[in-house]
């Protein structure tokens, strides 16, 4: 099996596999054990369907309509109808990578053997992923309870050959046409299968997994930019000493301090805080960077634990248990995932805030310890990076609004049967925006700090080797250095791409060694 194939078994999946399928188009295969588990569970569901007693999801309606017993001749129609009626999303299309993660994670639960779905349905789900067919899923429609119902319903609709989907060439076409073009037969849903395809936390979980991957890069990048700002402000690196962080043993704090210390190794700029403009201590945004960045890192670690547990879960209602029972449950409730999605939006907002405060300090001649106003070439004629900080401040303000928790809200639905919901999908959607904004905020600090470091170098002070590597790589990426005013947006865009693609971290690690 090559590295581009992800095998789906009965025991869940990994974050790395989610990213591989969602973002990098990895192929998906069902393991033999998964096929066997699917077949065994299906025998149990078929046996229950043949009995006269009603079983929720097999021979009854759904939600507030669960009291109605559905006759054999109407059950196939029941499964089709639940998909069609629940595919009620509205608003803009959700990104391709989110939909692929959603589909893959639903397949993960189906393959566990706890849902009662037939093997051929699971195989068709894998076939869609491998063909690059992506259902059209809309922004609004999930309350994060009873699963991400509307988003998953749009995916199930494509399995049935209905609705719209995007082909591998990016063109949206009727799903039936796309399936036929790739030799995939539409699925005729049997008892329980419609419900099983809709009942999961897969959308919010997929977005959590991808946010964690992005934030890991951004937190390391923010350690680097904080070090560059400290250096440009002629700050002291003594506050990064390991013995100081050992007496307050939060793990992330020690990691961030170590990252910064390694970036600053060999700097000729640090330690000048008692020179011409003496100061006893650096400002909080400089001195407390490891504490703030580190607290965010610890939050990421906790969120990763929650994600790992959910990746190992089989989320459906009802579920097929190993002893043959089919039982109703509440495992589809998104609260565990929703809480950490909101928590990540909070720490991302705070990280953006401290980055912006350092940028503002670099630009203010009264606090920058000798740097020109706004890092301008000829202040007054040139405005320098004045409005770059405005842009950064606008992003930070947006981040603060996005940090308001979605999971604290709940709107009852389904005639009060579903009277408490998680809003986890909404928490995930706003976190995606927050992560995008954070990359831009870190990029602005990087752009300002590298310009300030170059201005210090022009005065004869020698930056750290890692700083020099960061400056050189950023300039090679198209973000120019100090000089007269120019069209600034392209430089900021280049810095943004440089940060979000992990190229800042890659630029300094040959000097520092691997950063955490």
Protein backbone atom coordinates (compact mmCIF):
# COMPACT_ATOMS: atom_id res chain seq x y z
CA UNK A 1 0.00 0.00 0.00
CA UNK A 2 1.55 3.34 -0.96
CA UNK A 3 1.57 6.50 1.14
CA UNK A 4 -1.20 8.04 -0.97
CA UNK A 5 -3.80 5.48 0.12
CA UNK A 6 -5.70 5.68 3.41
CA UNK A 7 -7.18 2.41 4.64
CA UNK A 8 -10.37 2.77 6.64
CA UNK A 9 -10.78 0.12 9.32
CA UNK A 10 -13.17 -0.47 12.21
CA UNK A 11 -11.33 1.50 14.90
CA UNK A 12 -11.46 5.09 13.68
CA UNK A 13 -8.86 7.16 11.90
CA UNK A 14 -6.11 9.72 12.51
CA UNK A 15 -5.86 13.45 12.06
CA UNK A 16 -3.11 12.90 9.51
CA UNK A 17 -5.40 10.69 7.42
CA UNK A 18 -8.17 13.29 7.53
CA UNK A 19 -5.82 15.98 6.21
CA UNK A 20 -4.42 13.60 3.57
CA UNK A 21 -7.87 12.84 2.17
CA UNK A 22 -9.40 16.30 2.59
CA UNK A 23 -6.53 18.44 1.34
CA UNK A 24 -4.22 16.20 -0.63
CA UNK A 25 -6.59 13.86 -2.45
CA UNK A 26 -5.37 10.62 -0.87
CA UNK A 27 -7.23 7.54 -2.08
CA UNK A 28 -9.46 5.65 0.30
CA UNK A 29 -9.86 1.89 0.70
CA UNK A 30 -11.98 -0.19 3.06
CA UNK A 31 -10.12 -2.83 5.04
CA UNK A 32 -11.30 -6.44 4.92
CA UNK A 33 -12.18 -6.19 8.61
CA UNK A 34 -14.37 -3.17 7.92
CA UNK A 35 -16.23 -4.98 5.13
CA UNK A 36 -16.83 -7.94 7.46
CA UNK A 37 -18.05 -5.67 10.26
CA UNK A 38 -20.41 -3.87 7.88
CA UNK A 39 -21.90 -7.15 6.68
CA UNK A 40 -22.33 -8.52 10.21
CA UNK A 41 -24.08 -5.40 11.47
CA UNK A 42 -26.33 -5.36 8.44
CA UNK A 43 -27.57 -8.87 9.24
CA UNK A 44 -28.69 -7.59 12.64
CA UNK A 45 -30.54 -4.62 11.12
CA UNK A 46 -32.25 -6.81 8.53
CA UNK A 47 -33.40 -9.19 11.27
CA UNK A 48 -34.86 -6.32 13.29
CA UNK A 49 -36.53 -4.86 10.21
CA UNK A 50 -38.35 -8.14 9.67
CA UNK A 51 -39.89 -8.09 13.15
CA UNK A 52 -43.29 -6.52 13.87
CA UNK A 53 -41.99 -4.48 16.82
CA UNK A 54 -40.97 -0.91 15.90
CA UNK A 55 -37.25 -0.05 16.15
CA UNK A 56 -36.21 3.61 15.98
CA UNK A 57 -34.49 4.46 12.71
CA UNK A 58 -35.27 1.06 11.22
CA UNK A 59 -39.05 0.91 11.18
CA UNK A 60 -40.14 4.29 12.59
CA UNK A 61 -40.12 7.94 11.61
CA UNK A 62 -37.45 10.29 12.89
CA UNK A 63 -37.09 12.99 15.51
CA UNK A 64 -40.48 14.24 16.69
CA UNK A 65 -42.09 11.79 14.19
CA UNK A 66 -40.51 8.70 15.80
CA UNK A 67 -43.83 7.50 17.20
CA UNK A 68 -45.08 6.37 13.78
CA UNK A 69 -44.41 2.76 12.79
CA UNK A 70 -43.49 2.54 9.10
CA UNK A 71 -44.69 -0.42 7.05
CA UNK A 72 -42.28 -2.54 4.99
CA UNK A 73 -43.44 -1.17 1.66
CA UNK A 74 -42.74 2.45 2.72
CA UNK A 75 -39.30 1.99 4.29
CA UNK A 76 -37.23 2.57 1.16
CA UNK A 77 -39.26 5.71 0.52
CA UNK A 78 -38.69 6.73 4.16
CA UNK A 79 -34.89 6.57 3.69
CA UNK A 80 -35.00 8.55 0.44
CA UNK A 81 -37.31 11.10 1.99
CA UNK A 82 -35.15 11.76 5.03
CA UNK A 83 -32.20 12.56 2.76
CA UNK A 84 -34.19 14.76 0.41
CA UNK A 85 -35.99 16.67 3.14
CA UNK A 86 -32.89 17.15 5.29
CA UNK A 87 -30.82 18.45 2.35
CA UNK A 88 -32.11 21.91 3.19
CA UNK A 89 -28.92 23.92 3.44
CA UNK A 90 -28.69 27.52 2.30
CA UNK A 91 -26.05 30.13 1.68
CA UNK A 92 -22.60 29.99 0.09
CA UNK A 93 -20.92 26.72 -0.78
CA UNK A 94 -18.66 25.15 1.81
CA UNK A 95 -15.03 24.63 0.80
CA UNK A 96 -14.06 21.43 -1.02
CA UNK A 97 -11.65 20.32 1.70
CA UNK A 98 -14.37 20.60 4.35
CA UNK A 99 -16.79 18.49 2.31
CA UNK A 100 -14.13 15.84 1.66
CA UNK A 101 -13.35 15.69 5.38
CA UNK A 102 -17.08 15.43 6.11
CA UNK A 103 -17.49 12.53 3.67
CA UNK A 104 -14.38 10.71 4.86
CA UNK A 105 -15.29 10.98 8.53
CA UNK A 106 -18.81 9.72 7.86
CA UNK A 107 -17.25 6.77 6.06
CA UNK A 108 -15.03 6.23 9.11
CA UNK A 109 -18.10 5.81 11.35
CA UNK A 110 -19.97 3.70 8.81
CA UNK A 111 -16.94 1.37 8.54
CA UNK A 112 -16.96 0.77 12.30
CA UNK A 113 -19.78 -1.71 11.91
CA UNK A 114 -21.97 0.09 14.44
CA UNK A 115 -24.35 1.76 11.96
CA UNK A 116 -25.90 -1.17 10.08
CA UNK A 117 -25.08 0.26 6.64
CA UNK A 118 -24.42 -2.28 3.87
CA UNK A 119 -20.86 -2.74 2.58
CA UNK A 120 -21.83 -1.57 -0.91
CA UNK A 121 -22.98 1.80 0.46
CA UNK A 122 -19.66 2.31 2.23
CA UNK A 123 -17.80 1.35 -0.94
CA UNK A 124 -19.76 3.90 -2.95
CA UNK A 125 -18.79 6.56 -0.41
CA UNK A 126 -15.15 5.64 -0.97
CA UNK A 127 -15.67 5.64 -4.74
CA UNK A 128 -16.99 9.22 -4.64
CA UNK A 129 -13.92 10.40 -2.73
CA UNK A 130 -11.57 8.60 -5.07
CA UNK A 131 -13.31 10.01 -8.13
CA UNK A 132 -12.93 13.56 -6.81
CA UNK A 133 -16.69 14.10 -6.76
CA UNK A 134 -17.58 16.68 -4.10
CA UNK A 135 -21.23 17.29 -3.14
CA UNK A 136 -22.43 20.88 -3.02
CA UNK A 137 -22.86 21.65 0.69
CA UNK A 138 -24.10 24.99 1.97
CA UNK A 139 -22.95 27.20 4.85
CA UNK A 140 -26.17 27.08 6.89
CA UNK A 141 -28.24 24.11 7.99
CA UNK A 142 -26.52 22.43 10.93
CA UNK A 143 -27.27 22.97 14.61
CA UNK A 144 -24.56 20.51 15.60
CA UNK A 145 -26.98 18.06 17.18
CA UNK A 146 -28.41 14.88 15.72
CA UNK A 147 -25.28 15.41 13.70
CA UNK A 148 -24.44 17.93 11.01
CA UNK A 149 -27.75 17.03 9.43
CA UNK A 150 -28.12 19.30 6.42
CA UNK A 151 -24.45 19.12 5.33
CA UNK A 152 -24.41 15.33 5.59
CA UNK A 153 -27.76 15.12 3.80
CA UNK A 154 -26.37 16.97 0.79
CA UNK A 155 -23.57 14.39 0.69
CA UNK A 156 -26.04 11.49 0.95
CA UNK A 157 -28.11 13.06 -1.82
CA UNK A 158 -25.09 12.79 -4.13
CA UNK A 159 -24.76 9.10 -3.21
CA UNK A 160 -28.33 8.70 -4.44
CA UNK A 161 -27.42 10.43 -7.71
CA UNK A 162 -29.47 13.51 -6.90
CA UNK A 163 -28.69 17.18 -6.32
CA UNK A 164 -25.54 18.91 -7.51
CA UNK A 165 -21.87 18.08 -7.07
CA UNK A 166 -18.51 19.35 -8.22
CA UNK A 167 -16.43 17.16 -10.48
CA UNK A 168 -12.65 16.77 -10.31
CA UNK A 169 -12.33 19.55 -12.90
CA UNK A 170 -14.12 22.01 -10.60
CA UNK A 171 -17.32 22.16 -12.65
CA UNK A 172 -20.64 21.80 -10.82
CA UNK A 173 -23.02 19.40 -12.55
CA UNK A 174 -26.04 17.26 -11.63
CA UNK A 175 -24.76 14.47 -9.39
CA UNK A 176 -26.36 11.76 -11.52
CA UNK A 177 -24.31 12.86 -14.54
CA UNK A 178 -21.07 12.87 -12.57
CA UNK A 179 -21.68 9.41 -11.12
CA UNK A 180 -22.47 8.03 -14.55
CA UNK A 181 -19.34 9.62 -16.03
CA UNK A 182 -17.23 7.79 -13.45
CA UNK A 183 -19.06 4.48 -13.66
CA UNK A 184 -20.57 4.76 -10.17
CA UNK A 185 -24.07 3.40 -9.63
CA UNK A 186 -26.37 5.51 -7.42
CA UNK A 187 -27.24 3.93 -4.08
CA UNK A 188 -30.75 2.63 -3.35
CA UNK A 189 -30.99 3.17 0.39
CA UNK A 190 -32.37 0.38 2.58
CA UNK A 191 -33.74 0.43 6.14
CA UNK A 192 -31.78 2.66 8.56
CA UNK A 193 -29.21 3.72 5.93
CA UNK A 194 -30.58 7.19 5.27
CA UNK A 195 -30.49 8.04 8.96
CA UNK A 196 -27.02 6.51 9.40
CA UNK A 197 -25.58 8.73 6.68
CA UNK A 198 -26.81 11.92 8.39
CA UNK A 199 -26.21 11.42 12.09
CA UNK A 200 -22.70 12.56 12.98
CA UNK A 201 -20.34 15.32 14.11
CA UNK A 202 -18.26 14.84 10.97
CA UNK A 203 -18.34 18.39 9.61
CA UNK A 204 -17.35 20.11 12.83
CA UNK A 205 -14.74 17.41 13.53
CA UNK A 206 -13.18 17.73 10.08
CA UNK A 207 -12.89 21.48 10.49
CA UNK A 208 -11.38 21.02 13.97
CA UNK A 209 -8.72 18.65 12.64
CA UNK A 210 -7.73 21.02 9.83
CA UNK A 211 -7.74 24.05 12.15
CA UNK A 212 -5.38 22.24 14.52
CA UNK A 213 -2.98 21.53 11.65
CA UNK A 214 -3.05 25.19 10.59
CA UNK A 215 -2.75 26.54 14.13
CA UNK A 216 0.28 24.39 14.90
CA UNK A 217 2.11 26.15 12.07
CA UNK A 218 0.80 29.57 13.11
CA UNK A 219 1.84 29.20 16.73
CA UNK A 220 5.38 28.27 15.74
CA UNK A 221 5.37 31.15 13.27
CA UNK A 222 4.16 33.50 16.02
CA UNK A 223 7.04 32.40 18.27
CA UNK A 224 9.41 33.39 15.45
CA UNK A 225 7.77 36.76 14.82
CA UNK A 226 7.74 37.51 18.55
CA UNK A 227 11.47 36.81 18.66
CA UNK A 228 12.06 39.07 15.66
CA UNK A 229 10.07 41.87 17.29
CA UNK A 230 11.95 41.46 20.57
CA UNK A 231 15.19 41.68 18.63
CA UNK A 232 14.09 44.72 16.62
CA UNK A 233 13.06 46.49 19.83
CA UNK A 234 16.49 45.81 21.37
CA UNK A 235 14.80 43.78 24.08
CA UNK A 236 16.35 41.30 26.46
CA UNK A 237 16.29 37.57 25.87
CA UNK A 238 17.02 36.89 29.54
CA UNK A 239 13.28 36.48 30.13
CA UNK A 240 13.42 33.38 27.92
CA UNK A 241 15.85 31.51 30.20
CA UNK A 242 14.72 27.91 30.84
CA UNK A 243 15.10 28.23 34.61
CA UNK A 244 12.48 31.00 34.65
CA UNK A 245 9.93 28.87 32.84
CA UNK A 246 10.74 25.78 34.89
CA UNK A 247 9.27 27.41 37.99
CA UNK A 248 5.93 27.89 36.22
CA UNK A 249 5.77 24.54 34.44
CA UNK A 250 3.04 25.05 31.87
CA UNK A 251 4.34 22.92 28.98
CA UNK A 252 3.47 25.29 26.13
CA UNK A 253 5.13 28.23 27.83
CA UNK A 254 8.44 26.41 28.03
CA UNK A 255 8.17 25.33 24.39
CA UNK A 256 7.49 28.86 23.14
CA UNK A 257 10.32 30.32 25.22
CA UNK A 258 12.71 27.71 23.86
CA UNK A 259 11.63 28.42 20.29
CA UNK A 260 12.23 32.15 20.76
CA UNK A 261 15.57 31.61 22.46
CA UNK A 262 16.79 29.46 19.58
CA UNK A 263 15.69 32.04 17.01
CA UNK A 264 17.60 34.73 18.91
CA UNK A 265 20.80 32.73 19.41
CA UNK A 266 23.81 34.80 18.33
CA UNK A 267 21.90 38.07 18.04
CA UNK A 268 23.80 41.32 18.36
CA UNK A 269 20.57 43.25 18.95
CA UNK A 270 19.28 41.77 22.21
CA UNK A 271 20.31 43.06 25.60
CA UNK A 272 20.52 46.76 24.72
CA UNK A 273 17.68 47.79 27.02
CA UNK A 274 20.06 49.68 29.31
CA UNK A 275 21.79 51.66 26.55
CA UNK A 276 20.73 55.11 25.32
CA UNK A 277 17.08 54.75 26.36
CA UNK A 278 17.30 52.62 29.52
CA UNK A 279 14.33 50.54 30.63
CA UNK A 280 14.07 48.10 33.48
CA UNK A 281 11.78 45.68 31.68
CA UNK A 282 10.32 45.15 28.22
CA UNK A 283 6.61 45.70 27.66
CA UNK A 284 4.22 42.83 28.33
CA UNK A 285 3.63 42.13 24.63
CA UNK A 286 7.36 41.39 24.33
CA UNK A 287 8.21 39.98 27.75
CA UNK A 288 5.10 37.80 28.13
CA UNK A 289 5.05 36.35 24.62
CA UNK A 290 5.97 32.81 25.84
CA UNK A 291 3.20 32.92 28.43
CA UNK A 292 0.52 33.95 25.92
CA UNK A 293 1.76 31.80 23.04
CA UNK A 294 2.32 28.90 25.41
CA UNK A 295 -1.16 29.05 26.90
CA UNK A 296 -2.52 28.83 23.37
CA UNK A 297 -0.28 25.85 22.68
CA UNK A 298 -1.65 24.06 25.74
CA UNK A 299 -5.17 24.75 24.49
CA UNK A 300 -4.27 23.24 21.13
CA UNK A 301 -3.01 20.14 22.94
CA UNK A 302 -6.31 19.77 24.81
CA UNK A 303 -8.30 20.27 21.61
CA UNK A 304 -6.17 17.60 19.93
CA UNK A 305 -7.08 15.16 22.72
CA UNK A 306 -10.78 15.81 22.11
CA UNK A 307 -10.30 15.43 18.35
CA UNK A 308 -8.44 12.14 18.86
CA UNK A 309 -11.28 10.77 20.99
CA UNK A 310 -13.85 11.79 18.41
CA UNK A 311 -11.78 10.31 15.58
CA UNK A 312 -11.94 6.99 17.44
CA UNK A 313 -15.70 7.26 17.96
CA UNK A 314 -18.65 5.76 16.12
CA UNK A 315 -21.30 8.46 16.13
CA UNK A 316 -24.80 7.39 15.09
CA UNK A 317 -28.27 6.88 16.50
CA UNK A 318 -29.35 4.18 16.93
CA UNK A 319 -26.18 2.07 17.02
CA UNK A 320 -25.57 -1.63 16.57
CA UNK A 321 -23.76 -3.00 19.64
CA UNK A 322 -21.44 -6.03 19.63
CA UNK A 323 -24.01 -8.16 21.46
CA UNK A 324 -26.55 -7.57 18.68
CA UNK A 325 -28.66 -4.93 20.39
CA UNK A 326 -29.69 -1.80 18.48
CA UNK A 327 -29.95 1.04 20.98
CA UNK A 328 -30.82 4.72 20.86
CA UNK A 329 -28.30 7.13 22.37
CA UNK A 330 -27.16 10.76 22.42
CA UNK A 331 -23.60 10.35 21.14
CA UNK A 332 -24.34 12.57 18.15
CA UNK A 333 -24.45 15.67 20.37
CA UNK A 334 -21.62 17.97 19.33
CA UNK A 335 -20.86 19.57 22.72
CA UNK A 336 -17.36 18.08 23.22
CA UNK A 337 -16.22 19.27 19.80
CA UNK A 338 -18.11 22.58 19.92
CA UNK A 339 -16.47 23.62 23.19
CA UNK A 340 -12.92 23.22 21.92
CA UNK A 341 -13.75 24.91 18.62
CA UNK A 342 -14.86 27.94 20.62
CA UNK A 343 -11.85 27.67 22.93
CA UNK A 344 -9.51 27.76 19.92
CA UNK A 345 -11.23 30.88 18.57
CA UNK A 346 -10.56 32.58 21.92
CA UNK A 347 -6.85 31.77 22.04
CA UNK A 348 -6.42 32.62 18.35
CA UNK A 349 -7.95 36.04 19.02
CA UNK A 350 -5.59 36.63 21.93
CA UNK A 351 -2.57 35.56 19.91
CA UNK A 352 -3.62 37.98 17.16
CA UNK A 353 -4.03 40.71 19.74
CA UNK A 354 -0.53 40.37 21.19
CA UNK A 355 0.98 40.24 17.68
CA UNK A 356 -0.76 43.52 16.81
CA UNK A 357 0.48 45.19 20.02
CA UNK A 358 4.10 44.38 19.10
CA UNK A 359 3.55 45.68 15.56
CA UNK A 360 2.17 48.93 16.91
CA UNK A 361 5.18 49.26 19.22
CA UNK A 362 7.58 48.77 16.29
CA UNK A 363 5.87 51.62 14.43
CA UNK A 364 5.65 54.14 17.28
CA UNK A 365 8.80 56.28 17.50
CA UNK A 366 8.07 56.97 21.17
CA UNK A 367 8.23 53.27 22.06
CA UNK A 368 10.43 51.68 19.39
CA UNK A 369 13.79 52.70 20.90
CA UNK A 370 15.20 54.56 17.95
CA UNK A 371 13.38 53.15 14.94
CA UNK A 372 11.95 55.69 12.45
CA UNK A 373 8.25 56.55 12.70
CA UNK A 374 6.15 53.82 11.09
CA UNK A 375 9.43 52.33 9.80
CA UNK A 376 9.13 54.89 7.00
CA UNK A 377 12.00 55.81 4.68
CA UNK A 378 11.33 59.56 4.91
CA UNK A 379 8.65 60.03 7.55
CA UNK A 380 6.09 62.62 6.52
CA UNK A 381 6.78 62.15 2.83
CA UNK A 382 6.42 58.40 3.40
CA UNK A 383 3.76 56.79 5.60
CA UNK A 384 5.67 53.53 5.90
CA UNK A 385 3.65 50.72 7.50
CA UNK A 386 1.06 52.96 9.14
CA UNK A 387 -1.91 51.46 7.29
CA UNK A 388 -0.55 47.91 7.43
CA UNK A 389 -1.13 48.21 11.18
CA UNK A 390 -4.65 49.54 10.52
CA UNK A 391 -5.35 46.42 8.48
CA UNK A 392 -3.94 44.25 11.24
CA UNK A 393 -6.05 46.07 13.85
CA UNK A 394 -9.19 45.54 11.76
CA UNK A 395 -8.41 41.81 11.60
CA UNK A 396 -7.86 41.67 15.36
CA UNK A 397 -11.19 43.40 15.96
CA UNK A 398 -12.88 40.80 13.76
CA UNK A 399 -11.09 38.05 15.70
CA UNK A 400 -12.54 39.34 18.95
CA UNK A 401 -16.07 39.14 17.53
CA UNK A 402 -15.37 35.62 16.27
CA UNK A 403 -14.25 34.62 19.77
CA UNK A 404 -17.82 34.95 21.09
CA UNK A 405 -18.77 31.31 21.75
CA UNK A 406 -21.33 29.64 19.51
CA UNK A 407 -21.66 26.71 21.91
CA UNK A 408 -23.23 28.95 24.57
CA UNK A 409 -26.27 29.27 22.31
CA UNK A 410 -29.01 26.73 21.73
CA UNK A 411 -32.19 26.99 19.67
CA UNK A 412 -34.68 24.14 20.19
CA UNK A 413 -35.81 22.28 17.07
CA UNK A 414 -37.90 19.34 15.86
CA UNK A 415 -41.00 20.31 17.84
CA UNK A 416 -38.93 20.44 21.06
CA UNK A 417 -37.67 16.86 20.67
CA UNK A 418 -34.21 18.26 19.97
CA UNK A 419 -34.44 20.91 22.67
CA UNK A 420 -30.73 21.44 23.31
CA UNK A 421 -28.21 21.70 20.48
CA UNK A 422 -24.46 22.33 20.35
CA UNK A 423 -24.08 24.82 17.48
CA UNK A 424 -20.76 23.09 16.82
CA UNK A 425 -20.94 23.58 13.06
CA UNK A 426 -21.26 27.34 13.59
CA UNK A 427 -18.31 27.25 16.01
CA UNK A 428 -16.26 25.47 13.35
CA UNK A 429 -17.22 27.88 10.59
CA UNK A 430 -16.19 30.94 12.57
CA UNK A 431 -12.96 29.24 13.66
CA UNK A 432 -12.02 28.77 10.00
CA UNK A 433 -12.38 32.51 9.49
CA UNK A 434 -10.39 33.17 12.65
CA UNK A 435 -7.53 30.92 11.50
CA UNK A 436 -7.43 32.70 8.13
CA UNK A 437 -7.31 36.07 9.88
CA UNK A 438 -4.63 34.94 12.31
CA UNK A 439 -2.32 34.02 9.42
CA UNK A 440 -2.73 37.56 8.07
CA UNK A 441 -2.09 39.11 11.48
CA UNK A 442 1.11 37.10 12.00
CA UNK A 443 2.18 38.04 8.48
CA UNK A 444 1.86 41.76 9.21
CA UNK A 445 3.99 41.42 12.34
CA UNK A 446 6.55 39.45 10.35
CA UNK A 447 6.63 42.10 7.65
CA UNK A 448 7.10 44.90 10.18
CA UNK A 449 9.64 43.02 12.31
CA UNK A 450 11.83 42.02 9.38
CA UNK A 451 11.87 45.61 8.11
CA UNK A 452 12.82 46.81 11.61
CA UNK A 453 15.58 44.19 11.91
CA UNK A 454 16.99 45.31 8.55
CA UNK A 455 16.97 48.93 9.70
CA UNK A 456 18.89 47.91 12.83
CA UNK A 457 21.38 46.01 10.67
CA UNK A 458 21.91 49.16 8.61
CA UNK A 459 23.01 50.83 11.86
CA UNK A 460 25.72 48.19 12.34
CA UNK A 461 23.93 45.82 14.72
CA UNK A 462 24.09 42.19 13.62
CA UNK A 463 20.81 40.21 13.76
CA UNK A 464 20.70 36.56 14.81
CA UNK A 465 21.52 34.06 12.03
CA UNK A 466 17.95 32.70 12.21
CA UNK A 467 16.59 36.24 11.82
CA UNK A 468 18.79 36.80 8.79
CA UNK A 469 17.48 33.55 7.29
CA UNK A 470 13.86 34.66 7.85
CA UNK A 471 14.51 38.06 6.26
CA UNK A 472 16.24 36.59 3.23
CA UNK A 473 13.51 33.99 2.63
CA UNK A 474 10.72 36.56 2.97
CA UNK A 475 12.44 38.87 0.50
CA UNK A 476 12.86 35.97 -1.93
CA UNK A 477 9.12 35.32 -1.56
CA UNK A 478 8.34 38.78 -2.95
CA UNK A 479 7.87 40.90 0.19
CA UNK A 480 10.33 43.75 -0.27
CA UNK A 481 12.46 45.40 2.41
CA UNK A 482 12.84 49.01 3.61
CA UNK A 483 12.57 51.88 1.14
CA UNK A 484 10.23 54.60 -0.12
CA UNK A 485 6.48 53.98 -0.06
CA UNK A 486 5.12 51.58 -2.66
CA UNK A 487 1.93 49.63 -3.35
CA UNK A 488 1.87 47.67 -0.09
CA UNK A 489 -0.91 45.12 -0.56
CA UNK A 490 1.18 42.75 -2.75
CA UNK A 491 3.96 42.69 -0.14
CA UNK A 492 1.47 41.84 2.62
CA UNK A 493 -0.12 39.16 0.46
CA UNK A 494 3.30 37.62 -0.16
CA UNK A 495 4.01 37.62 3.58
CA UNK A 496 0.63 36.02 4.24
CA UNK A 497 1.28 33.19 1.79
CA UNK A 498 4.80 32.79 3.20
CA UNK A 499 3.43 32.30 6.72
CA UNK A 500 0.40 30.11 6.01
CA UNK A 501 2.38 27.73 3.80
CA UNK A 502 4.85 27.10 6.62
CA UNK A 503 7.74 28.72 4.77
CA UNK A 504 8.70 30.97 7.70
CA UNK A 505 9.24 27.95 9.93
CA UNK A 506 11.06 26.15 7.11
CA UNK A 507 13.35 29.17 6.60
CA UNK A 508 14.65 29.30 10.16
CA UNK A 509 14.81 25.60 11.06
CA UNK A 510 18.07 24.96 9.14
CA UNK A 511 19.62 27.42 11.62
CA UNK A 512 17.67 26.65 14.80
CA UNK A 513 17.00 22.96 14.33
CA UNK A 514 13.41 21.68 14.44
CA UNK A 515 11.06 24.03 16.30
CA UNK A 516 8.08 22.71 18.26
